[in-house]
Protein backbone atom coordinates (compact mmCIF):
# COMPACT_ATOMS: atom_id res chain seq x y z
CA ILE A 1 19.30 -23.09 5.68
CA PRO A 2 19.88 -19.82 3.74
CA GLN A 3 23.05 -17.97 4.69
CA ALA A 4 24.01 -14.28 4.87
CA PHE A 5 27.64 -14.02 5.93
CA ALA A 6 27.90 -10.25 5.31
CA ALA A 7 25.09 -9.37 7.69
CA PHE A 8 27.36 -8.20 10.52
CA THR A 9 29.93 -6.33 8.41
CA LEU A 10 27.62 -3.74 6.87
CA ASP A 11 28.26 0.01 7.04
CA ASN A 12 25.46 1.78 8.93
CA THR A 13 25.71 4.78 6.58
CA ILE A 14 24.41 2.80 3.58
CA ALA A 15 20.84 3.78 2.67
CA LYS A 16 18.06 1.25 3.12
CA THR A 17 17.11 1.45 -0.57
CA LYS A 18 20.56 0.27 -1.71
CA TRP A 19 21.63 -3.33 -2.20
CA ILE A 20 24.87 -4.95 -1.02
CA SER A 21 26.47 -7.42 -3.40
CA ASP A 22 27.14 -10.49 -1.22
CA THR A 23 28.98 -13.57 -2.51
CA GLY A 24 28.23 -15.32 0.78
CA ALA A 25 24.44 -14.88 0.65
CA SER A 26 22.56 -17.88 -0.66
CA ASN A 27 19.40 -15.82 -1.36
CA HIS A 28 18.40 -12.21 -1.99
CA MET A 29 17.28 -10.75 1.36
CA THR A 30 15.81 -7.57 2.82
CA GLY A 31 14.57 -6.44 6.21
CA THR A 32 12.15 -3.84 4.80
CA SER A 33 8.72 -5.01 3.65
CA SER A 34 8.17 -1.82 1.62
CA MET A 35 10.93 -2.99 -0.75
CA LEU A 36 8.83 -6.00 -1.77
CA SER A 37 5.70 -6.72 -3.76
CA ASN A 38 3.63 -9.90 -3.89
CA ILE A 39 4.66 -10.92 -0.37
CA ARG A 40 3.65 -14.46 0.50
CA GLN A 41 4.41 -17.11 3.10
CA CYS A 42 7.67 -19.00 2.86
CA SER A 43 6.79 -22.59 3.69
CA SER A 44 10.07 -24.38 2.89
CA ILE A 45 12.41 -22.44 5.21
CA ASP A 46 11.90 -20.43 8.40
CA SER A 47 15.26 -18.86 9.27
CA VAL A 48 18.49 -17.41 7.87
CA LEU A 49 21.92 -18.30 9.25
CA ILE A 50 24.15 -15.21 9.62
CA GLY A 51 27.92 -14.91 10.03
CA ASP A 52 28.14 -15.68 13.76
CA GLY A 53 25.95 -18.77 13.38
CA SER A 54 22.80 -17.14 14.78
CA PRO A 55 19.47 -17.72 12.99
CA LEU A 56 17.19 -14.84 11.96
CA PRO A 57 13.48 -15.60 11.39
CA ILE A 58 12.02 -15.30 7.88
CA HIS A 59 8.61 -13.60 7.79
CA GLY A 60 7.85 -14.11 4.12
CA ILE A 61 9.08 -14.04 0.55
CA GLY A 62 8.41 -11.51 -2.21
CA ASP A 63 9.67 -9.80 -5.35
CA SER A 64 11.67 -6.62 -5.86
CA VAL A 65 13.54 -4.76 -8.59
CA ILE A 66 16.77 -2.80 -9.00
CA LYS A 67 16.49 0.17 -11.37
CA GLN A 68 19.47 2.08 -12.76
CA LYS A 69 18.68 4.55 -15.56
CA ASN A 70 17.73 2.32 -18.53
CA ILE A 71 18.44 -0.94 -16.73
CA THR A 72 15.87 -2.89 -14.75
CA LEU A 73 16.92 -6.01 -12.86
CA PRO A 74 14.02 -8.06 -11.44
CA LEU A 75 14.63 -9.90 -8.18
CA ASN A 76 12.35 -12.84 -7.49
CA ASN A 77 11.92 -14.86 -4.29
CA VAL A 78 13.53 -12.25 -2.03
CA LEU A 79 13.47 -13.33 1.62
CA LEU A 80 11.88 -10.92 4.11
CA VAL A 81 14.04 -10.98 7.26
CA PRO A 82 12.91 -8.10 9.56
CA ASN A 83 16.02 -8.29 11.76
CA LEU A 84 18.30 -7.78 8.75
CA THR A 85 19.50 -4.17 8.64
CA LYS A 86 20.45 -4.01 4.93
CA ASN A 87 19.43 -5.44 1.57
CA LEU A 88 21.64 -8.31 0.42
CA LEU A 89 21.99 -9.19 -3.27
CA SER A 90 23.01 -12.81 -3.72
CA VAL A 91 25.70 -13.14 -6.40
CA SER A 92 25.08 -16.88 -6.67
CA GLN A 93 21.37 -16.32 -7.38
CA LEU A 94 22.23 -13.82 -10.13
CA THR A 95 24.67 -16.20 -11.81
CA LYS A 96 22.12 -19.01 -11.66
CA LYS A 97 19.41 -16.89 -13.28
CA PHE A 98 21.33 -14.88 -15.86
CA LEU A 99 24.31 -17.24 -16.40
CA VAL A 100 26.92 -15.33 -18.47
CA ASN A 101 25.87 -12.99 -21.30
CA TRP A 102 28.94 -10.71 -21.42
CA GLU A 103 26.73 -7.64 -21.04
CA LYS A 104 26.74 -5.01 -18.31
CA MET A 105 23.68 -5.60 -16.12
CA ILE A 106 24.11 -3.22 -13.16
CA THR A 107 26.89 -1.08 -11.69
CA GLY A 108 27.96 -0.43 -8.12
CA ARG A 109 30.60 1.38 -6.10
CA ARG A 110 33.04 -0.01 -3.61
CA LYS A 111 32.49 1.25 -0.06
CA GLY A 112 35.16 -0.17 2.20
CA ASP A 113 35.14 -3.91 1.50
CA LEU A 114 31.56 -3.89 0.20
CA TYR A 115 30.12 -3.31 -3.25
CA VAL A 116 27.02 -1.11 -2.98
CA LEU A 117 24.41 -1.05 -5.76
CA SER A 118 22.20 2.03 -5.98
CA SER A 119 18.60 1.71 -7.13
CA MET A 120 15.82 4.14 -7.93
CA PRO A 121 13.32 3.83 -5.04
CA GLU A 122 10.31 1.73 -5.86
CA LEU A 123 8.47 1.34 -2.58
CA TYR A 124 5.22 -0.53 -2.26
CA PHE A 125 3.28 1.84 -0.02
CA SER A 126 0.54 -0.56 1.06
CA HIS A 127 3.12 -2.21 3.32
CA ARG A 128 3.91 1.07 5.06
CA PHE A 129 0.50 1.16 6.68
CA LYS A 130 -0.28 -0.60 9.92
CA SER A 131 -2.77 -3.41 10.30
CA GLY A 132 -6.41 -2.44 10.15
CA SER A 133 -9.95 -3.75 10.21
CA THR A 134 -12.09 -4.45 7.15
CA ASP A 135 -13.58 -0.95 7.36
CA ILE A 136 -10.16 0.74 7.65
CA TRP A 137 -8.73 -1.05 4.59
CA HIS A 138 -11.95 -0.39 2.67
CA GLN A 139 -11.45 3.35 3.25
CA ARG A 140 -7.67 3.33 2.68
CA LEU A 141 -7.94 1.69 -0.74
CA GLY A 142 -10.72 3.88 -2.11
CA HIS A 143 -13.81 1.86 -1.15
CA PRO A 144 -13.30 -1.32 -3.25
CA GLN A 145 -15.62 -4.30 -3.05
CA THR A 146 -14.89 -7.05 -0.52
CA LEU A 147 -13.67 -9.42 -3.26
CA ALA A 148 -10.77 -7.05 -4.01
CA LEU A 149 -9.81 -6.89 -0.33
CA GLN A 150 -9.91 -10.69 -0.11
CA LEU A 151 -7.58 -10.97 -3.11
CA LEU A 152 -5.08 -8.53 -1.57
CA LYS A 153 -5.22 -10.36 1.75
CA ASN A 154 -4.62 -13.75 0.10
CA LYS A 155 -1.51 -12.34 -1.60
CA GLY A 156 -0.22 -10.96 1.71
CA LEU A 157 -0.37 -7.35 0.51
CA ILE A 158 -2.56 -6.12 3.38
CA ASP A 159 -2.89 -7.19 7.01
CA VAL A 160 -6.53 -7.31 8.05
CA VAL A 161 -7.20 -7.49 11.78
CA GLY A 162 -9.76 -10.18 12.56
CA THR A 163 -11.97 -11.85 9.98
CA LEU A 164 -12.51 -10.13 6.64
CA ARG A 165 -16.24 -9.48 6.63
CA SER A 166 -18.00 -10.20 3.34
CA LYS A 167 -20.86 -7.86 4.28
CA HIS A 168 -20.22 -4.50 5.91
CA LEU A 169 -22.06 -1.21 5.66
CA CYS A 170 -20.20 1.86 4.43
CA ASP A 171 -21.97 5.20 4.82
CA SER A 172 -19.91 6.83 2.05
CA CYS A 173 -20.70 4.05 -0.44
CA GLN A 174 -24.40 4.23 0.38
CA LEU A 175 -24.53 8.02 0.03
CA GLY A 176 -22.53 7.91 -3.19
CA LYS A 177 -25.03 5.57 -4.81
CA LEU A 178 -28.11 7.59 -3.88
CA SER A 179 -30.10 9.24 -6.65
CA LYS A 180 -32.67 12.02 -6.58
CA LEU A 181 -36.34 11.25 -6.99
CA PRO A 182 -37.76 12.59 -10.25
CA PHE A 183 -39.65 15.87 -10.14
CA SER A 184 -43.03 15.82 -11.82
CA SER A 185 -43.35 18.42 -14.56
CA SER A 186 -45.78 21.27 -14.04
CA LYS A 187 -47.20 23.77 -16.51
CA HIS A 188 -48.53 26.05 -13.80
CA SER A 189 -46.58 29.26 -13.26
CA SER A 190 -47.13 31.61 -10.35
CA SER A 191 -48.54 35.02 -11.24
CA VAL A 192 -47.87 36.87 -7.97
CA ILE A 193 -45.38 36.64 -5.15
CA PHE A 194 -46.10 34.24 -2.30
CA GLU A 195 -48.51 32.27 -4.48
CA LYS A 196 -46.16 29.29 -4.29
CA ILE A 197 -43.17 28.79 -2.01
CA HIS A 198 -40.54 26.05 -2.44
CA CYS A 199 -39.01 24.87 0.84
CA ASP A 200 -36.08 22.59 1.63
CA LEU A 201 -35.62 21.71 5.33
CA TRP A 202 -32.47 20.02 6.63
CA GLY A 203 -31.65 18.75 10.11
CA PRO A 204 -31.07 18.05 12.88
CA ALA A 205 -27.40 18.95 12.53
CA PRO A 206 -24.99 16.44 14.15
CA VAL A 207 -22.69 19.37 15.09
CA LEU A 208 -24.29 22.59 16.29
CA TYR A 209 -23.38 25.89 14.65
CA ILE A 210 -22.07 28.71 16.86
CA SER A 211 -25.61 30.09 17.05
CA LYS A 212 -26.85 26.68 18.34
CA PHE A 213 -29.30 26.17 15.46
CA LYS A 214 -30.17 22.54 14.64
CA TYR A 215 -32.24 22.99 11.48
CA TYR A 216 -31.74 24.93 8.24
CA ALA A 217 -34.47 25.93 5.78
CA CYS A 218 -34.14 27.26 2.24
CA LEU A 219 -37.24 29.12 0.94
CA VAL A 220 -37.64 30.16 -2.71
CA ASP A 221 -40.53 32.23 -4.05
CA ASP A 222 -41.77 30.66 -7.28
CA PHE A 223 -42.73 33.97 -8.93
CA SER A 224 -39.83 36.26 -8.03
CA LYS A 225 -37.27 33.48 -7.45
CA TYR A 226 -36.27 35.40 -4.33
CA THR A 227 -34.46 33.14 -1.87
């Protein structure tokens, strides 16, 4: 079972975007889903053991990154533990991945008995939205095709309520793909006013104007072009 022995000793004044260097943590961990990308199910383990022996449920696993000026440190397989109040950086995982290269990777400051690592915020905003239906996610993401929504759902990047419908009607998409019918060319030109009138009628209006009119008409005289 993964362990996080520093979970109950954290300073509440430490920002949620900062990472705590923890020699007792067996894995990188965070309680904030917006700190992660590529969130997926964690099938091998289901809980984290904290300092007092209590287990905290794991809701998934994802990837994150720590950025400091010209340094970027990727963090893979970060556990998502919603009940965890801070981000824990596992020293053992870092030593396993990077071994020893005698180069400065990242820097941090001591705050009490903890070493806090600052990072430039890199939040993944799709996780800040609540769950939604197929139509809601279709609108939120700029009207993509259903295949794109299915791909995002499979990767755990969006939470679709109910079944993701492969066929759904979107009024905005239908209107955006409409095209005007061609106008037939005409060599005839009016010689006097009121010989030919062009009319465009629109209505009924779904929302009534203050004058209560439901229909609008635009009339253009072909000869004088008076509207």
